[in-house]
Amino acid sequence: MSAVLNSPIGLRRGIGRQANSSVLPERCDVAVVGGGLIGLSIAWRLARAGRSVTVLERDSIGSGASLAATGMLAPAAEHEPGSDLLLPLALDSLRRWPGFRDELQADAGIGIDYREGGTLVLAIGRDEVERLRFRFELQNRAGVAAEWVSGPEARAREPLLRPNVSAGIRCPLDAQVDPRLVMQSLVTACERAGVRILEMLPVKHIIASSTSTASLDTPQGTLRADTVILATGAWSGEGGLLPGSESLPVRPIKGQSLALKTTRRTGTLSNMVWTEQIHMAPKADGTLIVGATVEDCGFREGVTAGGLFALLEGARRVLPGVEEMEVEAVWSGYRPTSDDDAPILDVLPNGVIVATGHHRNGYLLAPSTAYAVAELLERGSLPDYARGFGLGRFAQGTEDQQLRARA
């Protein structure tokens, strides 16, 4: 029985604490709906600027994607065909991360395991090398920092890799953080700045207009706020929250991941390693995160045998030492994915601000998103770098499809 109770299946790497607010205030300057990475980052920045902020989370803090993520800040490794729109925002946010890190760590008093060692993207065999070469050429055309390395050069950087690694791309400017520590820091920094964070308190409905105070209906009563920010992640596309039948083009993409315990005997990686199948990220506490499956299956819960096999086999294919590593935790989460995999940063006609749809780049884009929303409230408009991510781009895509259908 004890072996079952201690099973790592479904166990996440949590923040080890709960938010300490429990009473819904009557009103506030800003109500943030969603207590994940994006919502808390925005709340922290706005509270630092002197606004009274309340965060309403339907479940527990980080329960959607934020504590299921690996914490990659990897615009170069992530760059792929179709992501040209996203790249300038991604690079801007990466440049903002050191300042964001310093302020967050100072406000919270907690380190976030920020690492600048880069990413090594690997290929095994001729077919994978050809696809990796295409990726490298795409990176070069986009102007991102990337270096081609041979198999021996890759193994010199990561000696524990298998000898059959054929080639790789080194993305030297990519970085990473530990999501568990970032979320713990954000909760602490928010509370020290005066943010009220209420968990297990879903918002049933938002009544808002651009000219009056908004009302948020919850099981504890009604909260009135001058500004409402919708940062509900994978649940942003659910109907009923916004007036009428209005919903956002966001859907959940499930991902399964696992954490392995490394020891002196097993060794570990120095930096992030990617393959076509998986990515691996070593953390300061000796954990090696292996992620992540990509499953367009709605909110289907649970960890599957197929998912675990894919992760372990993908890791073992390049890093044989995983066979000796203890499984510490296995979990799943839901990436908030828009129709074009890029975030949605916009103001709805009723005045509600939307910050969602960050797909697998939530940690990378958190600083630029938080700063953009803060500037929107301060100056009345989004900064230039965030203006291409409004809802209007989806309407244009629909019109283009209709025109092609008629032709």
Protein backbone atom coordinates (compact mmCIF):
# COMPACT_ATOMS: atom_id res chain seq x y z
CA MET A 1 0.00 0.00 0.00
CA SER A 2 2.79 2.45 0.86
CA ALA A 3 4.32 2.00 -2.59
CA VAL A 4 1.05 3.09 -4.15
CA LEU A 5 0.72 6.08 -1.83
CA ASN A 6 4.26 7.18 -2.72
CA SER A 7 3.77 6.81 -6.46
CA PRO A 8 5.18 9.69 -8.55
CA ILE A 9 2.33 9.38 -11.05
CA GLY A 10 0.36 12.60 -11.18
CA LEU A 11 2.73 14.31 -8.75
CA ARG A 12 3.91 17.78 -9.73
CA ARG A 13 6.84 19.82 -8.49
CA GLY A 14 4.78 22.29 -6.46
CA ILE A 15 5.66 25.60 -4.83
CA GLY A 16 5.24 24.18 -1.33
CA ARG A 17 2.77 26.82 -0.11
CA GLN A 18 -0.59 28.40 -0.75
CA ALA A 19 -1.53 32.01 -1.24
CA ASN A 20 -2.63 33.53 2.06
CA SER A 21 -5.69 35.58 0.99
CA SER A 22 -9.15 34.17 1.57
CA VAL A 23 -11.64 37.05 1.71
CA LEU A 24 -12.93 38.68 -1.45
CA PRO A 25 -12.68 42.48 -1.26
CA GLU A 26 -15.58 44.65 -2.38
CA ARG A 27 -13.52 46.43 -5.03
CA CYS A 28 -10.01 46.97 -6.38
CA ASP A 29 -8.22 48.87 -9.11
CA VAL A 30 -7.40 45.76 -11.13
CA ALA A 31 -8.88 42.26 -11.08
CA VAL A 32 -6.74 39.58 -12.71
CA VAL A 33 -8.65 36.43 -13.63
CA GLY A 34 -6.15 33.58 -13.61
CA GLY A 35 -3.41 32.77 -11.10
CA GLY A 36 -0.81 31.30 -13.42
CA LEU A 37 2.54 32.68 -14.52
CA ILE A 38 1.09 35.36 -16.81
CA GLY A 39 -1.58 36.52 -14.38
CA LEU A 40 0.81 36.74 -11.42
CA SER A 41 3.52 38.48 -13.48
CA ILE A 42 1.04 41.15 -14.52
CA ALA A 43 -0.37 41.48 -11.00
CA TRP A 44 3.11 41.93 -9.52
CA ARG A 45 4.09 44.63 -12.04
CA LEU A 46 0.84 46.55 -11.51
CA ALA A 47 1.06 46.34 -7.72
CA ARG A 48 4.63 47.61 -7.89
CA ALA A 49 3.22 50.63 -9.75
CA GLY A 50 0.87 51.35 -6.84
CA ARG A 51 -2.39 49.77 -7.98
CA SER A 52 -4.59 47.62 -5.75
CA VAL A 53 -4.77 44.19 -7.41
CA THR A 54 -6.84 41.07 -6.75
CA VAL A 55 -6.08 37.74 -8.44
CA LEU A 56 -8.89 35.19 -8.76
CA GLU A 57 -7.81 31.63 -9.53
CA ARG A 58 -10.34 28.90 -10.37
CA ASP A 59 -8.08 26.14 -8.96
CA SER A 60 -4.73 26.30 -7.20
CA ILE A 61 -1.89 28.60 -8.24
CA GLY A 62 -0.17 27.38 -11.40
CA SER A 63 -2.47 24.40 -11.87
CA GLY A 64 -2.86 24.80 -15.64
CA ALA A 65 0.48 25.12 -17.45
CA SER A 66 2.71 27.13 -15.13
CA LEU A 67 3.82 24.30 -12.83
CA ALA A 68 3.74 21.75 -15.65
CA ALA A 69 6.29 23.64 -17.75
CA THR A 70 10.04 23.13 -18.10
CA GLY A 71 10.93 26.82 -17.84
CA MET A 72 12.67 27.23 -21.19
CA LEU A 73 13.60 30.71 -22.41
CA ALA A 74 14.61 29.49 -25.84
CA PRO A 75 13.61 31.72 -28.77
CA ALA A 76 16.38 30.32 -30.99
CA ALA A 77 15.68 26.65 -30.34
CA GLU A 78 11.92 27.26 -30.57
CA HIS A 79 12.11 29.11 -33.90
CA GLU A 80 10.36 27.11 -36.61
CA PRO A 81 8.50 27.70 -39.88
CA GLY A 82 5.52 29.99 -39.33
CA SER A 83 6.85 31.67 -36.20
CA ASP A 84 8.24 34.83 -37.82
CA LEU A 85 5.48 36.93 -36.21
CA LEU A 86 6.47 35.71 -32.76
CA LEU A 87 10.25 35.97 -33.02
CA PRO A 88 10.69 39.75 -32.38
CA LEU A 89 8.49 39.53 -29.28
CA ALA A 90 10.38 36.42 -28.10
CA LEU A 91 13.78 38.08 -28.51
CA ASP A 92 12.54 41.25 -26.81
CA SER A 93 11.32 39.25 -23.84
CA LEU A 94 14.56 37.29 -23.57
CA ARG A 95 16.43 40.61 -23.34
CA ARG A 96 14.10 41.70 -20.54
CA TRP A 97 14.59 38.54 -18.49
CA PRO A 98 17.76 39.57 -16.55
CA GLY A 99 16.06 42.72 -15.26
CA PHE A 100 12.83 40.85 -14.56
CA ARG A 101 14.84 38.20 -12.69
CA ASP A 102 16.75 40.73 -10.58
CA GLU A 103 13.61 42.60 -9.53
CA LEU A 104 11.66 39.44 -8.80
CA GLN A 105 14.43 37.88 -6.73
CA ALA A 106 14.90 41.14 -4.83
CA ASP A 107 11.18 41.50 -4.09
CA ALA A 108 10.66 37.86 -3.12
CA GLY A 109 14.02 37.00 -1.56
CA ILE A 110 14.02 33.72 -3.51
CA GLY A 111 16.37 32.60 -6.28
CA ILE A 112 14.74 31.26 -9.47
CA ASP A 113 17.63 29.13 -10.88
CA TYR A 114 18.09 31.37 -13.92
CA ARG A 115 20.70 29.84 -16.27
CA GLU A 116 22.22 31.24 -19.47
CA GLY A 117 24.00 28.13 -20.74
CA GLY A 118 22.12 27.85 -24.04
CA THR A 119 20.41 24.95 -25.77
CA LEU A 120 21.90 22.04 -27.70
CA VAL A 121 19.53 20.69 -30.38
CA LEU A 122 20.59 17.19 -31.48
CA ALA A 123 20.15 14.90 -34.47
CA ILE A 124 20.76 11.16 -34.80
CA GLY A 125 21.09 9.65 -38.27
CA ARG A 126 21.06 11.14 -41.78
CA ASP A 127 17.35 11.99 -41.95
CA GLU A 128 17.39 13.91 -38.69
CA VAL A 129 20.58 15.71 -39.70
CA GLU A 130 18.92 16.88 -42.92
CA ARG A 131 15.92 18.21 -41.00
CA LEU A 132 18.21 19.85 -38.47
CA ARG A 133 20.17 21.50 -41.29
CA PHE A 134 16.90 22.98 -42.58
CA ARG A 135 16.20 24.32 -39.10
CA PHE A 136 19.68 25.82 -38.91
CA GLU A 137 19.23 27.60 -42.23
CA LEU A 138 15.89 28.96 -41.01
CA GLN A 139 17.59 30.30 -37.87
CA ASN A 140 20.33 31.92 -39.95
CA ARG A 141 17.81 33.65 -42.21
CA ALA A 142 16.00 34.96 -39.14
CA GLY A 143 19.23 36.27 -37.63
CA VAL A 144 19.05 34.33 -34.37
CA ALA A 145 22.23 33.17 -32.65
CA ALA A 146 22.91 29.56 -33.67
CA GLU A 147 26.03 27.49 -34.29
CA TRP A 148 26.33 24.18 -36.15
CA VAL A 149 28.28 21.55 -34.21
CA SER A 150 29.46 18.09 -35.22
CA GLY A 151 28.64 14.94 -33.29
CA PRO A 152 32.03 14.90 -31.51
CA GLU A 153 31.67 18.60 -30.68
CA ALA A 154 28.23 17.98 -29.21
CA ARG A 155 29.56 15.12 -27.08
CA ALA A 156 32.48 17.27 -25.93
CA ARG A 157 29.93 19.75 -24.57
CA GLU A 158 27.77 17.00 -23.05
CA PRO A 159 30.01 13.96 -22.39
CA LEU A 160 27.12 11.74 -21.21
CA LEU A 161 25.44 11.71 -24.64
CA ARG A 162 25.42 8.53 -26.69
CA PRO A 163 28.15 8.11 -29.33
CA ASN A 164 25.53 7.93 -32.09
CA VAL A 165 24.68 11.63 -31.84
CA SER A 166 25.41 12.83 -35.37
CA ALA A 167 25.22 16.63 -35.24
CA GLY A 168 23.65 19.52 -33.39
CA ILE A 169 22.84 23.19 -33.22
CA ARG A 170 24.05 25.22 -30.28
CA CYS A 171 21.83 28.18 -29.41
CA PRO A 172 24.14 30.06 -27.01
CA LEU A 173 21.75 32.82 -25.91
CA ASP A 174 18.88 30.56 -24.83
CA ALA A 175 18.30 30.34 -21.09
CA GLN A 176 16.07 28.61 -18.56
CA VAL A 177 14.47 29.03 -15.13
CA ASP A 178 12.91 26.66 -12.63
CA PRO A 179 9.11 27.09 -12.87
CA ARG A 180 8.60 25.94 -9.29
CA LEU A 181 10.87 28.69 -7.99
CA VAL A 182 9.51 31.35 -10.33
CA MET A 183 5.94 30.67 -9.21
CA GLN A 184 6.96 30.60 -5.54
CA SER A 185 8.74 33.92 -6.06
CA LEU A 186 5.79 35.50 -7.84
CA VAL A 187 3.35 34.54 -5.10
CA THR A 188 5.68 35.95 -2.45
CA ALA A 189 6.46 39.13 -4.41
CA CYS A 190 2.78 39.72 -5.17
CA GLU A 191 1.74 39.35 -1.54
CA ARG A 192 4.54 41.62 -0.34
CA ALA A 193 3.33 44.21 -2.87
CA GLY A 194 -0.20 43.97 -1.47
CA VAL A 195 -1.83 41.72 -4.08
CA ARG A 196 -4.74 39.65 -2.82
CA ILE A 197 -4.59 36.12 -4.29
CA LEU A 198 -7.69 33.97 -3.89
CA GLU A 199 -7.45 30.32 -4.91
CA MET A 200 -10.32 27.92 -5.62
CA LEU A 201 -12.51 30.88 -6.52
CA PRO A 202 -13.78 30.72 -10.12
CA VAL A 203 -15.25 33.76 -11.83
CA LYS A 204 -18.69 32.85 -13.14
CA HIS A 205 -19.29 35.91 -15.28
CA ILE A 206 -17.80 39.29 -16.08
CA ILE A 207 -20.01 42.32 -16.64
CA ALA A 208 -17.86 45.08 -18.07
CA SER A 209 -17.96 48.13 -20.32
CA SER A 210 -15.29 50.55 -21.44
CA THR A 211 -16.96 53.41 -19.57
CA SER A 212 -17.88 51.97 -16.16
CA THR A 213 -16.63 49.81 -13.33
CA ALA A 214 -16.65 46.08 -14.05
CA SER A 215 -18.37 43.46 -11.91
CA LEU A 216 -17.02 39.94 -11.48
CA ASP A 217 -19.49 37.34 -10.21
CA THR A 218 -17.93 34.67 -7.93
CA PRO A 219 -19.22 32.13 -5.39
CA GLN A 220 -18.08 34.51 -2.62
CA GLY A 221 -19.96 37.46 -4.09
CA THR A 222 -19.27 40.28 -6.51
CA LEU A 223 -15.96 42.05 -6.98
CA ARG A 224 -15.96 45.48 -8.58
CA ALA A 225 -12.86 46.59 -10.45
CA ASP A 226 -11.83 49.50 -12.64
CA THR A 227 -9.91 47.13 -14.92
CA VAL A 228 -10.27 43.41 -15.63
CA ILE A 229 -7.42 41.35 -17.07
CA LEU A 230 -8.23 37.93 -18.47
CA ALA A 231 -5.24 35.59 -18.06
CA THR A 232 -7.06 32.28 -17.81
CA GLY A 233 -4.64 30.29 -19.94
CA ALA A 234 -6.00 27.14 -21.55
CA TRP A 235 -9.48 27.93 -20.23
CA SER A 236 -9.64 31.25 -22.12
CA GLY A 237 -11.65 29.66 -24.92
CA GLU A 238 -14.37 28.39 -22.60
CA GLY A 239 -17.74 30.10 -23.08
CA GLY A 240 -19.83 31.78 -20.38
CA LEU A 241 -17.26 34.05 -18.80
CA LEU A 242 -17.56 36.90 -21.28
CA PRO A 243 -20.85 38.53 -22.33
CA GLY A 244 -23.12 36.68 -24.74
CA SER A 245 -21.45 33.97 -26.82
CA GLU A 246 -18.09 35.74 -26.97
CA SER A 247 -15.09 33.47 -26.59
CA LEU A 248 -11.41 33.55 -27.49
CA PRO A 249 -9.62 31.38 -30.10
CA VAL A 250 -7.66 29.44 -27.48
CA ARG A 251 -7.67 25.70 -26.86
CA PRO A 252 -5.77 23.37 -24.49
CA ILE A 253 -2.84 21.32 -25.81
CA LYS A 254 -2.03 18.65 -23.26
CA GLY A 255 1.57 17.88 -22.37
CA GLN A 256 2.99 15.13 -20.18
CA SER A 257 6.38 15.52 -18.50
CA LEU A 258 8.47 13.85 -15.83
CA ALA A 259 11.22 14.70 -13.36
CA LEU A 260 14.19 12.38 -12.81
CA LYS A 261 16.52 12.40 -9.81
CA THR A 262 20.17 12.57 -10.80
CA THR A 263 23.08 11.50 -8.60
CA ARG A 264 26.86 11.60 -8.79
CA ARG A 265 26.74 8.10 -10.21
CA THR A 266 24.21 8.86 -12.95
CA GLY A 267 25.57 12.29 -13.77
CA THR A 268 23.44 14.90 -15.50
CA LEU A 269 23.47 17.39 -18.34
CA SER A 270 25.18 20.77 -18.19
CA ASN A 271 22.52 22.63 -20.15
CA MET A 272 19.24 22.11 -22.01
CA VAL A 273 19.23 19.40 -24.68
CA TRP A 274 16.59 19.01 -27.38
CA THR A 275 15.86 16.25 -29.85
CA GLU A 276 13.01 15.76 -32.31
CA GLN A 277 11.20 13.75 -29.65
CA ILE A 278 11.88 15.43 -26.28
CA HIS A 279 13.71 18.16 -24.43
CA MET A 280 15.68 17.83 -21.19
CA ALA A 281 16.54 20.55 -18.68
CA PRO A 282 18.76 20.09 -15.61
CA LYS A 283 17.82 22.05 -12.48
CA ALA A 284 19.92 23.21 -9.55
CA ASP A 285 18.27 20.76 -7.12
CA GLY A 286 19.60 17.80 -9.12
CA THR A 287 16.37 17.19 -11.01
CA LEU A 288 16.34 16.52 -14.74
CA ILE A 289 13.05 17.55 -16.38
CA VAL A 290 12.03 15.58 -19.47
CA GLY A 291 9.19 16.94 -21.59
CA ALA A 292 6.86 17.06 -23.23
CA THR A 293 4.18 15.31 -25.25
CA VAL A 294 1.93 17.34 -27.56
CA GLU A 295 -1.68 16.12 -27.46
CA ASP A 296 -4.62 17.98 -28.99
CA CYS A 297 -7.20 16.13 -26.90
CA GLY A 298 -9.00 18.83 -24.95
CA PHE A 299 -8.99 18.70 -21.15
CA ARG A 300 -8.37 14.96 -20.95
CA GLU A 301 -6.75 14.41 -17.58
CA GLY A 302 -4.12 11.96 -16.49
CA VAL A 303 -0.80 10.44 -17.39
CA THR A 304 -0.72 7.68 -20.00
CA ALA A 305 1.53 4.71 -20.60
CA GLY A 306 2.13 5.91 -24.15
CA GLY A 307 3.15 9.34 -22.93
CA LEU A 308 5.59 7.96 -20.37
CA PHE A 309 7.09 5.54 -22.88
CA ALA A 310 7.62 8.32 -25.43
CA LEU A 311 9.35 10.53 -22.87
CA LEU A 312 11.62 7.83 -21.43
CA GLU A 313 12.48 6.31 -24.79
CA GLY A 314 13.18 9.75 -26.25
CA ALA A 315 15.51 10.57 -23.36
CA ARG A 316 17.22 7.17 -23.36
CA ARG A 317 17.88 7.49 -27.09
CA VAL A 318 20.47 10.23 -26.46
CA LEU A 319 21.22 9.97 -22.73
CA PRO A 320 21.71 6.35 -21.60
CA GLY A 321 22.16 7.35 -17.97
CA VAL A 322 18.41 7.94 -17.58
CA GLU A 323 18.03 4.19 -17.11
CA GLU A 324 19.60 4.53 -13.64
CA MET A 325 17.72 7.67 -12.59
CA GLU A 326 14.84 7.49 -10.13
CA VAL A 327 11.50 8.87 -11.32
CA GLU A 328 10.61 11.69 -8.94
CA ALA A 329 7.37 12.98 -10.45
CA VAL A 330 5.17 12.54 -13.52
CA TRP A 331 2.47 15.03 -14.48
CA SER A 332 0.40 16.56 -17.22
CA GLY A 333 -0.78 20.09 -17.94
CA TYR A 334 -2.48 22.19 -20.61
CA ARG A 335 -0.72 24.70 -22.83
CA PRO A 336 -2.95 27.66 -23.74
CA THR A 337 -2.73 27.60 -27.52
CA SER A 338 -4.20 30.15 -29.91
CA ASP A 339 -5.08 29.37 -33.51
CA ASP A 340 -1.62 30.51 -34.68
CA ASP A 341 0.37 29.46 -31.57
CA ALA A 342 1.15 33.11 -30.71
CA PRO A 343 -0.16 35.01 -27.68
CA ILE A 344 -3.24 37.23 -27.64
CA LEU A 345 -2.64 40.69 -26.18
CA ASP A 346 -5.61 42.95 -26.75
CA VAL A 347 -8.44 45.02 -25.29
CA LEU A 348 -11.97 43.74 -25.92
CA PRO A 349 -14.75 46.17 -26.87
CA ASN A 350 -16.05 45.99 -23.29
CA GLY A 351 -12.68 47.11 -21.92
CA VAL A 352 -11.48 43.70 -20.67
CA ILE A 353 -7.75 43.23 -21.29
CA VAL A 354 -6.75 39.84 -22.66
CA ALA A 355 -3.33 38.27 -22.06
CA THR A 356 -3.45 34.60 -22.98
CA GLY A 357 -2.61 31.99 -25.63
CA HIS A 358 1.13 31.82 -24.94
CA HIS A 359 1.30 28.13 -25.99
CA ARG A 360 4.69 26.71 -24.93
CA ASN A 361 6.37 30.11 -24.55
CA GLY A 362 4.75 31.38 -21.37
CA TYR A 363 7.97 31.62 -19.38
CA LEU A 364 9.87 33.19 -22.25
CA LEU A 365 7.17 35.80 -22.88
CA ALA A 366 6.22 36.62 -19.28
CA PRO A 367 8.37 39.77 -18.94
CA SER A 368 7.28 41.37 -22.22
CA THR A 369 3.64 40.49 -21.54
CA ALA A 370 3.70 41.97 -18.04
CA TYR A 371 5.47 45.14 -19.15
CA ALA A 372 3.11 45.53 -22.14
CA VAL A 373 -0.01 45.32 -19.96
CA ALA A 374 1.49 47.72 -17.42
CA GLU A 375 2.21 50.21 -20.21
CA LEU A 376 -1.31 49.76 -21.57
CA LEU A 377 -2.80 50.78 -18.23
CA GLU A 378 -0.32 53.62 -17.78
CA ARG A 379 -0.45 55.15 -21.29
CA GLY A 380 -3.64 53.81 -22.79
CA SER A 381 -2.05 51.76 -25.58
CA LEU A 382 0.14 48.72 -26.01
CA PRO A 383 3.82 49.26 -26.84
CA ASP A 384 4.90 48.75 -30.43
CA TYR A 385 6.38 45.31 -29.83
CA ALA A 386 3.02 43.96 -28.58
CA ARG A 387 0.68 45.49 -31.13
CA GLY A 388 0.75 42.67 -33.64
CA PHE A 389 -0.93 40.19 -31.30
CA GLY A 390 -4.51 41.42 -31.21
CA LEU A 391 -7.61 39.44 -32.07
CA GLY A 392 -7.91 41.22 -35.42
CA ARG A 393 -5.32 38.92 -36.96
CA PHE A 394 -7.69 35.96 -36.65
CA ALA A 395 -10.51 37.84 -38.36
CA GLN A 396 -8.16 38.63 -41.26
CA GLY A 397 -7.26 34.96 -41.52
CA THR A 398 -10.95 34.03 -41.68
CA GLU A 399 -11.56 36.59 -44.43
CA ASP A 400 -8.61 35.25 -46.43
CA GLN A 401 -9.97 31.70 -46.15
CA GLN A 402 -13.40 32.87 -47.34
CA LEU A 403 -11.86 34.65 -50.32
CA ARG A 404 -9.87 31.56 -51.30
CA ALA A 405 -12.99 29.41 -51.00
CA ARG A 406 -14.87 31.70 -53.39
CA ALA A 407 -12.05 31.80 -55.94
